[in-house]
Amino acid sequence: MNRNDILRKLSSRKFWALLAALATSVLTASGAGDNTVLHVTGVIGAVGACVAYMLAEGISDAARGTGGDKAED
């Protein structure tokens, strides 16, 4: 697995949804309260959205700078 594969996975909404679902399942199985599960899932979703946005912008900026595909804003 190279760097591009890792970046693509980190920018995937499916990956962050999977991580939120996994955290929800683990917290529920361990007896955490509904409030805790909701907070942790919300934080994972927010971090995932930020990471996906930053990586997507970085990739489009890099493509624009190197003469690759011209991504339009």
N, C-alpha and C. Protein backbone atom coordinates (compact mmCIF):
# COMPACT_ATOMS: atom_id res chain seq x y z
N MET A 1 0.85 -1.17 0.00
CA MET A 1 0.00 0.00 0.00
C MET A 1 0.90 1.23 0.00
N ASN A 2 0.74 2.08 -1.00
CA ASN A 2 1.58 3.27 -1.08
C ASN A 2 0.86 4.49 -0.50
N ARG A 3 1.53 5.62 -0.56
CA ARG A 3 1.02 6.85 0.05
C ARG A 3 -0.31 7.28 -0.57
N ASN A 4 -0.43 7.15 -1.89
CA ASN A 4 -1.66 7.55 -2.57
C ASN A 4 -2.84 6.69 -2.14
N ASP A 5 -2.61 5.39 -1.93
CA ASP A 5 -3.68 4.52 -1.46
C ASP A 5 -4.16 4.94 -0.07
N ILE A 6 -3.22 5.27 0.79
CA ILE A 6 -3.57 5.69 2.15
C ILE A 6 -4.34 7.00 2.12
N LEU A 7 -3.89 7.96 1.32
CA LEU A 7 -4.59 9.23 1.22
C LEU A 7 -5.99 9.05 0.66
N ARG A 8 -6.14 8.17 -0.33
CA ARG A 8 -7.45 7.93 -0.92
C ARG A 8 -8.39 7.31 0.12
N LYS A 9 -7.87 6.39 0.93
CA LYS A 9 -8.71 5.78 1.95
C LYS A 9 -9.10 6.80 3.02
N LEU A 10 -8.16 7.65 3.44
CA LEU A 10 -8.47 8.64 4.46
C LEU A 10 -9.46 9.69 3.97
N SER A 11 -9.52 9.91 2.67
CA SER A 11 -10.46 10.90 2.14
C SER A 11 -11.80 10.27 1.77
N SER A 12 -11.95 8.99 2.03
CA SER A 12 -13.19 8.29 1.69
C SER A 12 -14.24 8.48 2.78
N ARG A 13 -15.42 8.91 2.38
CA ARG A 13 -16.52 9.05 3.34
C ARG A 13 -16.94 7.68 3.87
N LYS A 14 -16.80 6.65 3.04
CA LYS A 14 -17.15 5.29 3.48
C LYS A 14 -16.25 4.86 4.63
N PHE A 15 -14.96 5.20 4.57
CA PHE A 15 -14.03 4.86 5.64
C PHE A 15 -14.45 5.51 6.95
N TRP A 16 -14.79 6.80 6.92
CA TRP A 16 -15.18 7.50 8.13
C TRP A 16 -16.52 7.01 8.66
N ALA A 17 -17.44 6.64 7.77
CA ALA A 17 -18.71 6.05 8.21
C ALA A 17 -18.46 4.71 8.90
N LEU A 18 -17.54 3.91 8.32
CA LEU A 18 -17.18 2.64 8.93
C LEU A 18 -16.57 2.85 10.32
N LEU A 19 -15.68 3.82 10.44
CA LEU A 19 -15.04 4.10 11.72
C LEU A 19 -16.07 4.54 12.76
N ALA A 20 -17.02 5.39 12.37
CA ALA A 20 -18.07 5.83 13.29
C ALA A 20 -18.95 4.66 13.71
N ALA A 21 -19.30 3.79 12.77
CA ALA A 21 -20.12 2.62 13.09
C ALA A 21 -19.37 1.67 14.02
N LEU A 22 -18.09 1.48 13.76
CA LEU A 22 -17.29 0.61 14.62
C LEU A 22 -17.20 1.17 16.04
N ALA A 23 -16.95 2.47 16.15
CA ALA A 23 -16.87 3.09 17.48
C ALA A 23 -18.20 2.99 18.21
N THR A 24 -19.30 3.20 17.48
CA THR A 24 -20.62 3.09 18.09
C THR A 24 -20.86 1.68 18.62
N SER A 25 -20.50 0.69 17.82
CA SER A 25 -20.70 -0.70 18.23
C SER A 25 -19.85 -1.05 19.45
N VAL A 26 -18.59 -0.65 19.43
CA VAL A 26 -17.70 -0.97 20.55
C VAL A 26 -18.15 -0.26 21.83
N LEU A 27 -18.51 1.00 21.72
CA LEU A 27 -18.96 1.74 22.91
C LEU A 27 -20.26 1.17 23.46
N THR A 28 -21.17 0.80 22.58
CA THR A 28 -22.44 0.22 23.03
C THR A 28 -22.20 -1.13 23.71
N ALA A 29 -21.32 -1.94 23.13
CA ALA A 29 -21.03 -3.25 23.72
C ALA A 29 -20.32 -3.13 25.06
N SER A 30 -19.55 -2.06 25.23
CA SER A 30 -18.83 -1.90 26.49
C SER A 30 -19.67 -1.22 27.57
N GLY A 31 -20.90 -0.88 27.24
CA GLY A 31 -21.80 -0.33 28.25
C GLY A 31 -21.77 1.18 28.38
N ALA A 32 -21.22 1.88 27.42
CA ALA A 32 -21.21 3.34 27.48
C ALA A 32 -22.63 3.86 27.30
N GLY A 33 -22.91 5.00 27.91
CA GLY A 33 -24.24 5.60 27.81
C GLY A 33 -24.50 6.18 26.44
N ASP A 34 -25.77 6.45 26.17
CA ASP A 34 -26.16 6.99 24.87
C ASP A 34 -25.48 8.32 24.57
N ASN A 35 -25.32 9.15 25.59
CA ASN A 35 -24.67 10.46 25.38
C ASN A 35 -23.22 10.30 24.93
N THR A 36 -22.51 9.38 25.56
CA THR A 36 -21.10 9.15 25.20
C THR A 36 -20.99 8.64 23.77
N VAL A 37 -21.83 7.69 23.40
CA VAL A 37 -21.81 7.14 22.05
C VAL A 37 -22.10 8.24 21.03
N LEU A 38 -23.09 9.07 21.32
CA LEU A 38 -23.45 10.16 20.42
C LEU A 38 -22.31 11.15 20.26
N HIS A 39 -21.65 11.50 21.34
CA HIS A 39 -20.54 12.45 21.28
C HIS A 39 -19.36 11.89 20.49
N VAL A 40 -19.00 10.66 20.74
CA VAL A 40 -17.85 10.05 20.05
C VAL A 40 -18.14 9.93 18.55
N THR A 41 -19.34 9.50 18.20
CA THR A 41 -19.71 9.37 16.80
C THR A 41 -19.71 10.72 16.11
N GLY A 42 -20.19 11.75 16.80
CA GLY A 42 -20.18 13.09 16.24
C GLY A 42 -18.77 13.62 15.99
N VAL A 43 -17.88 13.35 16.92
CA VAL A 43 -16.48 13.79 16.77
C VAL A 43 -15.83 13.06 15.60
N ILE A 44 -16.04 11.77 15.48
CA ILE A 44 -15.46 11.01 14.37
C ILE A 44 -15.99 11.53 13.04
N GLY A 45 -17.28 11.80 12.97
CA GLY A 45 -17.87 12.34 11.74
C GLY A 45 -17.29 13.70 11.37
N ALA A 46 -17.12 14.56 12.37
CA ALA A 46 -16.58 15.89 12.11
C ALA A 46 -15.12 15.83 11.67
N VAL A 47 -14.32 15.02 12.34
CA VAL A 47 -12.91 14.87 11.97
C VAL A 47 -12.80 14.27 10.57
N GLY A 48 -13.62 13.28 10.29
CA GLY A 48 -13.61 12.65 8.97
C GLY A 48 -13.94 13.63 7.86
N ALA A 49 -14.93 14.48 8.09
CA ALA A 49 -15.29 15.48 7.09
C ALA A 49 -14.15 16.47 6.87
N CYS A 50 -13.50 16.90 7.93
CA CYS A 50 -12.37 17.83 7.81
C CYS A 50 -11.19 17.20 7.07
N VAL A 51 -10.87 15.97 7.41
CA VAL A 51 -9.76 15.27 6.75
C VAL A 51 -10.05 15.08 5.27
N ALA A 52 -11.26 14.64 4.95
CA ALA A 52 -11.62 14.43 3.55
C ALA A 52 -11.54 15.74 2.77
N TYR A 53 -12.01 16.83 3.35
CA TYR A 53 -11.97 18.12 2.67
C TYR A 53 -10.53 18.58 2.44
N MET A 54 -9.69 18.48 3.48
CA MET A 54 -8.31 18.93 3.36
C MET A 54 -7.54 18.11 2.33
N LEU A 55 -7.72 16.80 2.33
CA LEU A 55 -7.02 15.97 1.36
C LEU A 55 -7.51 16.23 -0.06
N ALA A 56 -8.81 16.40 -0.22
CA ALA A 56 -9.34 16.67 -1.56
C ALA A 56 -8.83 18.01 -2.09
N GLU A 57 -8.78 19.01 -1.24
CA GLU A 57 -8.26 20.32 -1.67
C GLU A 57 -6.77 20.23 -1.98
N GLY A 58 -6.03 19.50 -1.16
CA GLY A 58 -4.60 19.35 -1.42
C GLY A 58 -4.32 18.63 -2.72
N ILE A 59 -5.09 17.60 -3.01
CA ILE A 59 -4.92 16.86 -4.25
C ILE A 59 -5.27 17.72 -5.45
N SER A 60 -6.36 18.47 -5.36
CA SER A 60 -6.73 19.33 -6.49
C SER A 60 -5.74 20.48 -6.67
N ASP A 61 -5.21 21.02 -5.58
CA ASP A 61 -4.19 22.06 -5.69
C ASP A 61 -2.91 21.52 -6.33
N ALA A 62 -2.53 20.32 -5.93
CA ALA A 62 -1.33 19.71 -6.50
C ALA A 62 -1.51 19.43 -7.99
N ALA A 63 -2.68 18.96 -8.38
CA ALA A 63 -2.94 18.69 -9.79
C ALA A 63 -2.93 19.99 -10.60
N ARG A 64 -3.45 21.03 -10.03
CA ARG A 64 -3.47 22.33 -10.71
C ARG A 64 -2.05 22.89 -10.84
N GLY A 65 -1.22 22.67 -9.83
CA GLY A 65 0.14 23.20 -9.82
C GLY A 65 1.10 22.44 -10.74
N THR A 66 0.84 21.17 -10.98
CA THR A 66 1.74 20.37 -11.79
C THR A 66 1.26 20.23 -13.22
N GLY A 67 0.18 20.90 -13.58
CA GLY A 67 -0.32 20.83 -14.95
C GLY A 67 -1.14 19.58 -15.20
N GLY A 68 -1.59 18.94 -14.13
CA GLY A 68 -2.46 17.77 -14.28
C GLY A 68 -3.85 18.20 -14.68
N ASP A 69 -4.83 17.40 -14.33
CA ASP A 69 -6.21 17.76 -14.65
C ASP A 69 -6.54 19.08 -13.98
N LYS A 70 -7.17 19.94 -14.70
CA LYS A 70 -7.52 21.25 -14.17
C LYS A 70 -8.81 21.13 -13.37
N ALA A 71 -8.72 21.16 -12.05
CA ALA A 71 -9.87 21.10 -11.19
C ALA A 71 -10.43 22.51 -11.03
N GLU A 72 -11.74 22.64 -11.22
CA GLU A 72 -12.36 23.96 -11.09
C GLU A 72 -13.01 24.07 -9.74
N ASP A 73 -12.94 25.26 -9.14
CA ASP A 73 -13.56 25.50 -7.82
C ASP A 73 -15.05 25.58 -7.95
